[in-house]
Protein backbone atom coordinates (compact mmCIF):
# COMPACT_ATOMS: atom_id res chain seq x y z
CA UNK A 1 -59.09 19.90 -39.20
CA UNK A 2 -61.40 17.51 -41.02
CA UNK A 3 -63.44 17.90 -44.17
CA UNK A 4 -66.63 16.93 -42.39
CA UNK A 5 -68.21 18.11 -39.14
CA UNK A 6 -67.56 14.77 -37.46
CA UNK A 7 -66.33 15.66 -33.94
CA UNK A 8 -69.11 15.96 -31.35
CA UNK A 9 -68.70 17.63 -27.95
CA UNK A 10 -71.29 17.12 -25.21
CA UNK A 11 -71.40 19.31 -22.10
CA UNK A 12 -74.13 18.49 -19.58
CA UNK A 13 -75.86 21.65 -18.36
CA UNK A 14 -75.20 22.74 -14.73
CA UNK A 15 -74.76 19.03 -14.13
CA UNK A 16 -74.49 18.72 -10.34
CA UNK A 17 -77.37 21.15 -9.80
CA UNK A 18 -79.47 19.43 -12.47
CA UNK A 19 -79.11 16.08 -10.71
CA UNK A 20 -80.09 17.68 -7.41
CA UNK A 21 -83.19 19.22 -8.96
CA UNK A 22 -84.11 15.90 -10.55
CA UNK A 23 -83.82 14.01 -7.25
CA UNK A 24 -85.42 16.76 -5.12
CA UNK A 25 -88.70 17.88 -6.71
CA UNK A 26 -89.15 20.75 -4.24
CA UNK A 27 -86.04 22.39 -5.76
CA UNK A 28 -87.15 22.34 -9.39
CA UNK A 29 -87.28 25.84 -10.82
CA UNK A 30 -85.49 27.27 -7.78
CA UNK A 31 -81.91 28.52 -7.42
CA UNK A 32 -79.59 25.69 -6.36
CA UNK A 33 -75.92 26.01 -5.47
CA UNK A 34 -73.79 22.88 -5.02
CA UNK A 35 -70.41 23.02 -3.31
CA UNK A 36 -68.83 23.76 0.03
CA UNK A 37 -71.64 24.79 2.37
CA UNK A 38 -69.33 26.23 5.03
CA UNK A 39 -68.31 29.83 5.38
CA UNK A 40 -65.07 29.15 3.47
CA UNK A 41 -66.61 26.82 0.88
CA UNK A 42 -66.44 27.18 -2.89
CA UNK A 43 -69.25 26.81 -5.45
CA UNK A 44 -68.86 23.73 -7.64
CA UNK A 45 -71.99 24.28 -9.76
CA UNK A 46 -74.87 26.75 -9.77
CA UNK A 47 -78.19 26.08 -11.44
CA UNK A 48 -79.25 28.47 -14.17
CA UNK A 49 -81.80 29.96 -11.76
CA UNK A 50 -78.90 30.77 -9.39
CA UNK A 51 -76.71 32.04 -12.22
CA UNK A 52 -79.35 34.66 -12.97
CA UNK A 53 -78.36 36.24 -9.63
CA UNK A 54 -74.62 36.07 -10.36
CA UNK A 55 -73.68 32.78 -8.67
CA UNK A 56 -71.09 30.79 -10.61
CA UNK A 57 -68.57 28.00 -10.18
CA UNK A 58 -65.34 28.78 -8.30
CA UNK A 59 -67.03 31.67 -6.47
CA UNK A 60 -66.89 31.54 -2.68
CA UNK A 61 -70.06 30.17 -1.13
CA UNK A 62 -70.23 33.25 1.07
CA UNK A 63 -70.36 35.49 -2.02
CA UNK A 64 -73.00 33.26 -3.63
CA UNK A 65 -75.12 33.54 -0.47
CA UNK A 66 -74.89 37.32 -0.65
CA UNK A 67 -76.00 37.36 -4.27
CA UNK A 68 -78.76 34.77 -4.20
CA UNK A 69 -82.23 35.40 -2.75
CA UNK A 70 -84.00 33.71 0.13
CA UNK A 71 -85.17 30.31 -1.04
CA UNK A 72 -81.83 29.37 -2.63
CA UNK A 73 -80.73 25.83 -1.76
CA UNK A 74 -77.08 25.47 -0.76
CA UNK A 75 -76.19 21.79 -0.91
CA UNK A 76 -73.13 19.61 -0.43
CA UNK A 77 -72.24 17.27 -3.29
CA UNK A 78 -73.45 13.71 -3.85
CA UNK A 79 -70.84 12.25 -6.15
CA UNK A 80 -72.29 8.72 -6.25
CA UNK A 81 -75.47 10.22 -7.76
CA UNK A 82 -73.49 12.27 -10.29
CA UNK A 83 -71.29 9.31 -11.21
CA UNK A 84 -74.29 7.02 -11.81
CA UNK A 85 -75.92 9.60 -14.09
CA UNK A 86 -72.66 10.23 -15.95
CA UNK A 87 -72.22 6.52 -16.64
CA UNK A 88 -75.64 6.39 -18.28
CA UNK A 89 -74.74 9.33 -20.52
CA UNK A 90 -71.34 7.92 -21.48
CA UNK A 91 -72.95 4.61 -22.46
CA UNK A 92 -75.30 6.48 -24.81
CA UNK A 93 -72.31 8.22 -26.41
CA UNK A 94 -70.62 4.86 -26.98
CA UNK A 95 -73.66 3.77 -28.96
CA UNK A 96 -72.77 6.51 -31.46
CA UNK A 97 -69.09 5.60 -31.87
CA UNK A 98 -66.38 3.41 -30.39
CA UNK A 99 -64.22 6.52 -29.94
CA UNK A 100 -65.50 8.44 -26.92
CA UNK A 101 -63.14 10.61 -24.89
CA UNK A 102 -64.51 11.57 -21.47
CA UNK A 103 -62.99 14.89 -20.41
CA UNK A 104 -64.74 15.08 -17.03
CA UNK A 105 -67.77 13.63 -15.32
CA UNK A 106 -70.09 15.85 -17.41
CA UNK A 107 -68.18 16.38 -20.66
CA UNK A 108 -66.94 14.22 -23.56
CA UNK A 109 -65.85 14.21 -27.20
CA UNK A 110 -67.14 11.69 -29.74
CA UNK A 111 -65.56 10.83 -33.11
CA UNK A 112 -68.60 10.32 -35.34
CA UNK A 113 -66.42 9.31 -38.29
CA UNK A 114 -65.24 6.21 -36.41
CA UNK A 115 -68.67 4.56 -36.63
CA UNK A 116 -69.68 3.13 -40.03
CA UNK A 117 -73.02 4.28 -41.30
CA UNK A 118 -73.12 7.74 -39.71
CA UNK A 119 -74.35 10.41 -42.11
CA UNK A 120 -71.70 13.12 -41.76
CA UNK A 121 -73.53 15.79 -43.73
CA UNK A 122 -74.58 18.85 -41.75
CA UNK A 123 -78.19 17.69 -41.87
CA UNK A 124 -77.18 14.17 -40.86
CA UNK A 125 -75.14 15.12 -37.80
CA UNK A 126 -77.79 17.65 -36.75
CA UNK A 127 -80.43 14.94 -36.72
CA UNK A 128 -78.08 12.58 -34.90
CA UNK A 129 -77.47 15.18 -32.20
CA UNK A 130 -81.18 15.86 -31.75
CA UNK A 131 -81.80 12.17 -31.19
CA UNK A 132 -78.90 11.97 -28.73
CA UNK A 133 -80.22 14.88 -26.67
CA UNK A 134 -83.67 13.29 -26.49
CA UNK A 135 -82.23 9.96 -25.36
CA UNK A 136 -80.07 11.62 -22.70
CA UNK A 137 -83.04 13.52 -21.23
CA UNK A 138 -85.16 10.36 -21.20
CA UNK A 139 -82.46 8.12 -19.70
CA UNK A 140 -81.36 10.56 -16.98
CA UNK A 141 -84.72 11.75 -15.79
CA UNK A 142 -84.54 15.15 -17.46
CA UNK A 143 -80.86 16.16 -17.31
CA UNK A 144 -80.04 18.16 -20.44
CA UNK A 145 -76.85 18.65 -22.39
CA UNK A 146 -75.53 21.10 -24.96
CA UNK A 147 -73.97 19.66 -28.11
CA UNK A 148 -71.47 21.17 -30.52
CA UNK A 149 -70.34 19.47 -33.72
CA UNK A 150 -67.49 20.64 -35.91
CA UNK A 151 -64.46 19.67 -37.95
CA UNK A 152 -62.19 19.63 -34.88
CA UNK A 153 -62.26 19.43 -31.11
CA UNK A 154 -61.83 23.20 -30.97
CA UNK A 155 -64.89 23.95 -33.08
CA UNK A 156 -67.02 21.25 -31.42
CA UNK A 157 -66.33 22.61 -27.94
CA UNK A 158 -66.99 26.19 -29.01
CA UNK A 159 -70.24 25.03 -30.59
CA UNK A 160 -71.43 23.41 -27.36
CA UNK A 161 -70.87 26.70 -25.50
CA UNK A 162 -72.74 28.93 -27.94
CA UNK A 163 -76.34 28.10 -27.12
CA UNK A 164 -76.47 26.90 -23.52
CA UNK A 165 -78.46 25.43 -21.91
CA UNK A 166 -79.90 22.54 -23.92
CA UNK A 167 -78.26 23.87 -27.08
CA UNK A 168 -77.25 22.36 -30.40
CA UNK A 169 -74.79 24.09 -32.74
CA UNK A 170 -73.21 22.53 -35.84
CA UNK A 171 -70.34 24.50 -37.38
CA UNK A 172 -70.40 23.65 -41.11
CA UNK A 173 -66.99 22.91 -42.66
CA UNK A 174 -65.58 26.00 -44.31
CA UNK A 175 -67.20 28.43 -41.85
CA UNK A 176 -64.76 27.90 -38.97
CA UNK A 177 -63.04 31.28 -39.20
CA UNK A 178 -66.36 33.11 -39.58
CA UNK A 179 -67.48 31.58 -36.28
CA UNK A 180 -64.13 31.76 -34.50
CA UNK A 181 -62.76 35.22 -35.20
CA UNK A 182 -65.50 37.38 -33.59
CA UNK A 183 -65.23 35.45 -30.29
CA UNK A 184 -63.35 36.82 -27.27
CA UNK A 185 -59.78 35.58 -27.16
CA UNK A 186 -60.60 33.99 -23.79
CA UNK A 187 -62.80 31.50 -25.67
CA UNK A 188 -59.65 29.61 -26.62
CA UNK A 189 -58.67 26.89 -24.18
CA UNK A 190 -55.04 28.03 -24.11
CA UNK A 191 -55.84 31.54 -22.90
CA UNK A 192 -55.91 31.72 -19.11
CA UNK A 193 -56.12 34.87 -16.99
CA UNK A 194 -52.40 35.70 -17.19
CA UNK A 195 -52.18 35.15 -20.96
CA UNK A 196 -55.39 37.13 -21.49
CA UNK A 197 -53.97 40.05 -19.53
CA UNK A 198 -50.84 40.10 -21.69
CA UNK A 199 -52.89 39.85 -24.89
CA UNK A 200 -55.26 42.62 -23.82
CA UNK A 201 -52.25 44.82 -23.10
CA UNK A 202 -51.25 44.67 -26.78
CA UNK A 203 -54.79 45.19 -28.07
CA UNK A 204 -55.71 41.56 -28.70
CA UNK A 205 -59.28 41.04 -27.50
CA UNK A 206 -60.88 38.79 -30.12
CA UNK A 207 -59.63 35.64 -31.81
CA UNK A 208 -59.54 37.67 -35.01
CA UNK A 209 -57.15 40.12 -33.34
CA UNK A 210 -55.00 37.15 -32.35
CA UNK A 211 -55.00 35.78 -35.91
CA UNK A 212 -53.67 39.12 -37.16
CA UNK A 213 -50.52 38.70 -35.06
CA UNK A 214 -47.47 37.02 -36.53
CA UNK A 215 -45.99 33.81 -35.18
CA UNK A 216 -42.81 35.59 -33.96
CA UNK A 217 -44.99 38.09 -32.07
CA UNK A 218 -46.88 35.34 -30.25
CA UNK A 219 -43.75 33.32 -29.51
CA UNK A 220 -42.15 36.43 -28.00
CA UNK A 221 -45.28 37.02 -25.93
CA UNK A 222 -46.08 33.50 -24.69
CA UNK A 223 -43.11 31.28 -25.48
CA UNK A 224 -42.45 28.90 -28.36
CA UNK A 225 -44.87 26.10 -27.44
CA UNK A 226 -47.71 28.24 -26.10
CA UNK A 227 -47.32 30.99 -28.68
CA UNK A 228 -47.21 28.48 -31.50
CA UNK A 229 -50.33 26.79 -30.18
CA UNK A 230 -52.23 30.08 -30.01
CA UNK A 231 -51.15 30.88 -33.57
CA UNK A 232 -52.65 27.62 -34.80
CA UNK A 233 -55.86 27.83 -32.80
CA UNK A 234 -56.53 31.37 -34.05
CA UNK A 235 -56.54 29.87 -37.55
CA UNK A 236 -58.76 26.93 -36.53
CA UNK A 237 -55.85 24.56 -37.06
CA UNK A 238 -56.59 21.70 -34.68
CA UNK A 239 -55.85 18.08 -35.55
CA UNK A 240 -56.14 16.57 -32.06
CA UNK A 241 -57.60 13.08 -32.14
CA UNK A 242 -60.45 11.80 -30.00
CA UNK A 243 -58.71 9.46 -27.55
CA UNK A 244 -61.10 6.90 -26.00
CA UNK A 245 -61.29 6.28 -22.25
CA UNK A 246 -58.30 8.42 -21.44
CA UNK A 247 -57.19 7.85 -17.84
CA UNK A 248 -56.50 11.04 -15.97
CA UNK A 249 -53.25 10.72 -14.02
CA UNK A 250 -52.77 14.33 -12.97
CA UNK A 251 -54.30 17.79 -13.20
CA UNK A 252 -52.06 20.82 -13.55
CA UNK A 253 -51.79 24.44 -14.63
CA UNK A 254 -48.72 26.46 -15.52
CA UNK A 255 -47.74 29.91 -16.76
CA UNK A 256 -44.72 31.08 -18.76
CA UNK A 257 -43.81 34.64 -17.82
CA UNK A 258 -42.97 37.47 -20.17
CA UNK A 259 -39.88 38.19 -18.05
CA UNK A 260 -38.06 36.30 -15.32
CA UNK A 261 -39.76 36.83 -11.96
CA UNK A 262 -38.26 36.92 -8.49
CA UNK A 263 -40.96 38.88 -6.63
CA UNK A 264 -42.48 36.45 -4.11
CA UNK A 265 -45.72 38.44 -3.89
CA UNK A 266 -46.27 38.21 -7.65
CA UNK A 267 -45.29 34.54 -7.73
CA UNK A 268 -47.58 33.91 -4.77
CA UNK A 269 -50.53 35.37 -6.64
CA UNK A 270 -49.70 33.17 -9.62
CA UNK A 271 -49.64 30.11 -7.36
CA UNK A 272 -53.00 31.03 -5.83
CA UNK A 273 -54.58 31.44 -9.28
CA UNK A 274 -53.17 28.16 -10.60
CA UNK A 275 -54.18 26.26 -7.47
CA UNK A 276 -57.71 27.58 -7.93
CA UNK A 277 -57.82 26.38 -11.55
CA UNK A 278 -56.44 22.96 -10.62
CA UNK A 279 -58.95 22.55 -7.79
CA UNK A 280 -61.78 23.54 -10.11
CA UNK A 281 -60.75 20.96 -12.68
CA UNK A 282 -60.47 18.29 -10.01
CA UNK A 283 -63.99 19.03 -8.79
CA UNK A 284 -65.37 19.07 -12.33
CA UNK A 285 -63.92 15.61 -12.95
CA UNK A 286 -64.98 14.29 -9.50
CA UNK A 287 -61.37 13.58 -8.54
CA UNK A 288 -59.14 14.43 -5.61
CA UNK A 289 -55.39 13.82 -5.35
CA UNK A 290 -52.72 13.15 -2.75
CA UNK A 291 -49.55 14.61 -4.30
CA UNK A 292 -49.05 18.34 -4.92
CA UNK A 293 -46.22 19.23 -7.30
CA UNK A 294 -44.60 22.58 -8.01
CA UNK A 295 -42.78 22.94 -11.34
CA UNK A 296 -40.18 25.68 -11.88
CA UNK A 297 -38.12 26.72 -14.88
CA UNK A 298 -35.26 29.00 -13.93
CA UNK A 299 -33.66 31.87 -15.81
CA UNK A 300 -31.09 29.46 -17.30
CA UNK A 301 -33.84 27.10 -18.56
CA UNK A 302 -33.13 24.42 -15.99
CA UNK A 303 -36.37 22.78 -14.89
CA UNK A 304 -37.02 21.21 -11.52
CA UNK A 305 -39.99 19.92 -9.56
CA UNK A 306 -40.79 19.70 -5.88
CA UNK A 307 -43.60 17.52 -4.46
CA UNK A 308 -45.37 16.74 -1.23
CA UNK A 309 -47.70 13.78 -0.67
CA UNK A 310 -50.64 14.14 1.71
CA UNK A 311 -52.10 11.46 3.97
CA UNK A 312 -55.55 12.01 2.40
CA UNK A 313 -56.61 13.11 -1.12
CA UNK A 314 -57.84 16.68 -1.54
CA UNK A 315 -59.35 19.08 -4.06
CA UNK A 316 -59.12 22.10 -1.74
CA UNK A 317 -57.57 25.09 -3.51
CA UNK A 318 -56.36 26.59 -0.23
CA UNK A 319 -54.52 23.43 0.77
CA UNK A 320 -53.00 22.99 -2.69
CA UNK A 321 -51.90 26.62 -2.74
CA UNK A 322 -50.44 26.45 0.77
CA UNK A 323 -48.32 23.43 -0.08
CA UNK A 324 -47.15 25.02 -3.34
CA UNK A 325 -46.12 28.15 -1.43
CA UNK A 326 -44.03 26.05 0.95
CA UNK A 327 -42.44 24.17 -1.94
CA UNK A 328 -41.51 27.47 -3.58
CA UNK A 329 -39.97 28.68 -0.33
CA UNK A 330 -37.83 25.54 -0.28
CA UNK A 331 -36.81 25.80 -3.95
CA UNK A 332 -36.13 29.54 -3.92
CA UNK A 333 -36.36 32.09 -6.72
CA UNK A 334 -32.68 33.01 -7.12
CA UNK A 335 -31.96 34.34 -10.59
CA UNK A 336 -35.61 34.51 -11.53
CA UNK A 337 -38.25 32.08 -12.80
CA UNK A 338 -39.41 31.82 -16.41
CA UNK A 339 -42.19 29.32 -15.74
CA UNK A 340 -44.22 28.18 -12.75
CA UNK A 341 -46.69 25.31 -12.55
CA UNK A 342 -48.90 23.67 -9.94
CA UNK A 343 -50.21 20.13 -10.28
CA UNK A 344 -51.98 17.39 -8.34
CA UNK A 345 -51.47 13.67 -8.98
CA UNK A 346 -52.19 10.39 -7.24
CA UNK A 347 -55.82 10.84 -8.21
CA UNK A 348 -58.78 8.90 -6.89
CA UNK A 349 -62.53 9.24 -7.16
CA UNK A 350 -63.80 11.97 -4.89
CA UNK A 351 -64.23 10.91 -1.26
CA UNK A 352 -67.38 12.49 0.16
CA UNK A 353 -66.66 15.06 2.84
CA UNK A 354 -63.34 16.59 1.73
CA UNK A 355 -64.70 19.63 -0.08
CA UNK A 356 -68.27 19.80 1.11
CA UNK A 357 -67.80 19.17 4.81
CA UNK A 358 -68.63 22.04 7.12
CA UNK A 359 -65.52 23.40 8.83
CA UNK A 360 -65.56 23.39 12.60
CA UNK A 361 -65.11 27.16 12.80
CA UNK A 362 -67.87 28.08 10.33
CA UNK A 363 -70.45 30.48 11.67
CA UNK A 364 -74.05 29.27 11.99
CA UNK A 365 -76.34 30.07 9.07
CA UNK A 366 -79.77 31.33 10.20
CA UNK A 367 -82.63 29.14 9.02
CA UNK A 368 -85.13 30.57 6.56
CA UNK A 369 -88.53 29.09 5.82
CA UNK A 370 -88.30 26.39 3.16
CA UNK A 371 -84.56 26.88 2.62
CA UNK A 372 -81.93 24.13 3.12
CA UNK A 373 -79.33 25.40 5.57
CA UNK A 374 -76.05 24.35 7.12
CA UNK A 375 -75.49 25.51 10.69
CA UNK A 376 -72.40 24.96 12.77
CA UNK A 377 -72.83 23.48 16.22
CA UNK A 378 -70.80 23.21 19.42
CA UNK A 379 -68.41 20.31 19.71
CA UNK A 380 -70.61 18.87 22.47
CA UNK A 381 -73.08 17.76 19.78
CA UNK A 382 -70.96 15.46 17.62
CA UNK A 383 -74.01 13.60 16.27
CA UNK A 384 -74.79 16.55 14.00
CA UNK A 385 -71.53 16.07 12.16
CA UNK A 386 -73.08 13.07 10.46
CA UNK A 387 -75.43 15.24 8.46
CA UNK A 388 -74.91 17.77 5.67
CA UNK A 389 -77.40 19.64 3.45
CA UNK A 390 -78.55 17.57 0.48
CA UNK A 391 -77.44 14.23 1.95
CA UNK A 392 -79.55 11.15 1.14
CA UNK A 393 -81.13 9.54 4.21
CA UNK A 394 -83.75 6.97 5.11
CA UNK A 395 -86.10 6.90 8.11
CA UNK A 396 -87.39 3.60 9.46
CA UNK A 397 -91.02 4.70 9.24
CA UNK A 398 -91.09 7.62 6.79
CA UNK A 399 -88.77 6.18 4.15
CA UNK A 400 -86.26 7.99 1.89
CA UNK A 401 -85.54 11.69 1.93
CA UNK A 402 -82.72 14.22 2.11
CA UNK A 403 -81.23 16.51 4.71
CA UNK A 404 -82.87 19.91 4.42
CA UNK A 405 -81.02 21.50 7.35
CA UNK A 406 -79.29 20.85 10.65
CA UNK A 407 -78.31 22.66 13.83
CA UNK A 408 -78.65 22.82 17.63
CA UNK A 409 -78.77 19.07 18.03
CA UNK A 410 -81.42 18.52 15.35
CA UNK A 411 -81.62 17.50 11.71
CA UNK A 412 -84.47 18.39 9.37
CA UNK A 413 -85.40 16.07 6.51
CA UNK A 414 -87.64 16.51 3.49
CA UNK A 415 -89.21 13.22 2.44
CA UNK A 416 -89.39 13.11 -1.34
CA UNK A 417 -87.66 11.54 -4.31
CA UNK A 418 -87.17 11.86 -8.07
CA UNK A 419 -90.67 10.61 -8.93
CA UNK A 420 -92.70 11.98 -6.03
CA UNK A 421 -94.39 15.35 -5.53
CA UNK A 422 -92.62 17.82 -3.23
CA UNK A 423 -92.64 16.11 0.14
CA UNK A 424 -93.22 16.93 3.81
CA UNK A 425 -90.54 18.22 6.18
CA UNK A 426 -89.86 16.64 9.56
CA UNK A 427 -87.30 17.41 12.28
CA UNK A 428 -85.51 14.80 14.42
CA UNK A 429 -82.85 14.64 17.08
CA UNK A 430 -79.46 14.49 15.38
CA UNK A 431 -78.75 11.14 17.04
CA UNK A 432 -82.16 9.57 16.31
CA UNK A 433 -81.38 5.89 15.56
CA UNK A 434 -84.35 5.67 13.17
CA UNK A 435 -82.60 8.03 10.75
CA UNK A 436 -79.65 6.72 8.77
CA UNK A 437 -77.53 7.85 5.78
CA UNK A 438 -78.64 6.20 2.53
CA UNK A 439 -77.54 5.62 -1.04
CA UNK A 440 -78.79 8.03 -3.72
CA UNK A 441 -82.30 7.27 -5.00
CA UNK A 442 -82.70 5.52 -8.34
CA UNK A 443 -84.41 8.07 -10.59
CA UNK A 444 -85.60 5.19 -12.79
CA UNK A 445 -87.52 3.50 -9.95
CA UNK A 446 -90.99 4.41 -8.73
CA UNK A 447 -90.42 5.82 -5.23
CA UNK A 448 -93.89 7.25 -4.73
CA UNK A 449 -95.59 6.42 -1.43
CA UNK A 450 -97.86 3.38 -1.55
């Protein structure tokens, strides 16, 4: 922990949905859900208008549809658009300091102390953050971010979460415990669902409750490494450095159990939960991976791994979980397991269509007036498979737009862009040669009709 509040954490607000609302003026102020549009899809991001109805990331798309009202836009992802916007933001962060650590496509830490001339007083870093937020909004066409600044990564990240969206919280040095201890114990990055359940069982619900527990108690509960880490975090002891341009090689999650487990049903639920967390982190970072790895630590502390490499990269929680289940079947649970982990490696930038493609057996979604929809179609109409809700397109005569809906051999397009008014809607045959997929619009260019 530093003497000055010199670690900045930026978290862009509902990032995927914010980019969609920027590029699609008819969606501004309306609920927007980005993710798998099929019946078995998963929400990647929900706009704050959609969150007001209970939609959230990692929820099934079917559940989000039940919760959200008519008029909600359910869109597939456009990672080239998100990546381009992210690169603009990361370049602005590098103007503040040479030490910028991207955590995901919409999140990064900055070491303000690494740049000479930065005023590291509370007033100085507050003013710096205000200027940063203004520059981000101007450079990205209105995308906002929440900023936290503190004496460590822990406090900076907590600060960025305290006043979302478009927030700014500086935690003055010396006040860390006052801020930290009233928070739910789940606010700490090391407390996942399984750990939280064990902590709640012994009456630990706030970080202050956790700080009141001894180191031996926490080691007995969560293991030496994890328990020791929780002990330090509860006391705001965090000396992790900001590591610039860290290359992500794998994404994983693991749990150490309070007792050795052999029950396949219990272990299966643990695998499902970890696969879900891994898939969520992959989507947040705009990555997919080809190799799924299962890590096991047996009752005698021997550790082994089992892996399977796929022909194509994935970020699908169901696929990751299914492979991990098979790997566990092969490895066996004889004698009991102390630890179980699921990971994905062999990462590459997200390939459009893996997560957001409509599955062939999805049920049609009835169209509603002025609502983007995704409808399944018979296999005799393969041309429709080219189109998905939210996709950028261009028409030979009408110009750029995006797919508003599809079904029954047709595709409906709204013709508008980041700097136009809400545009008209037109419907075409799904195989119309005048309509073609297109690159994302440049929000910095004037795309208004001449």
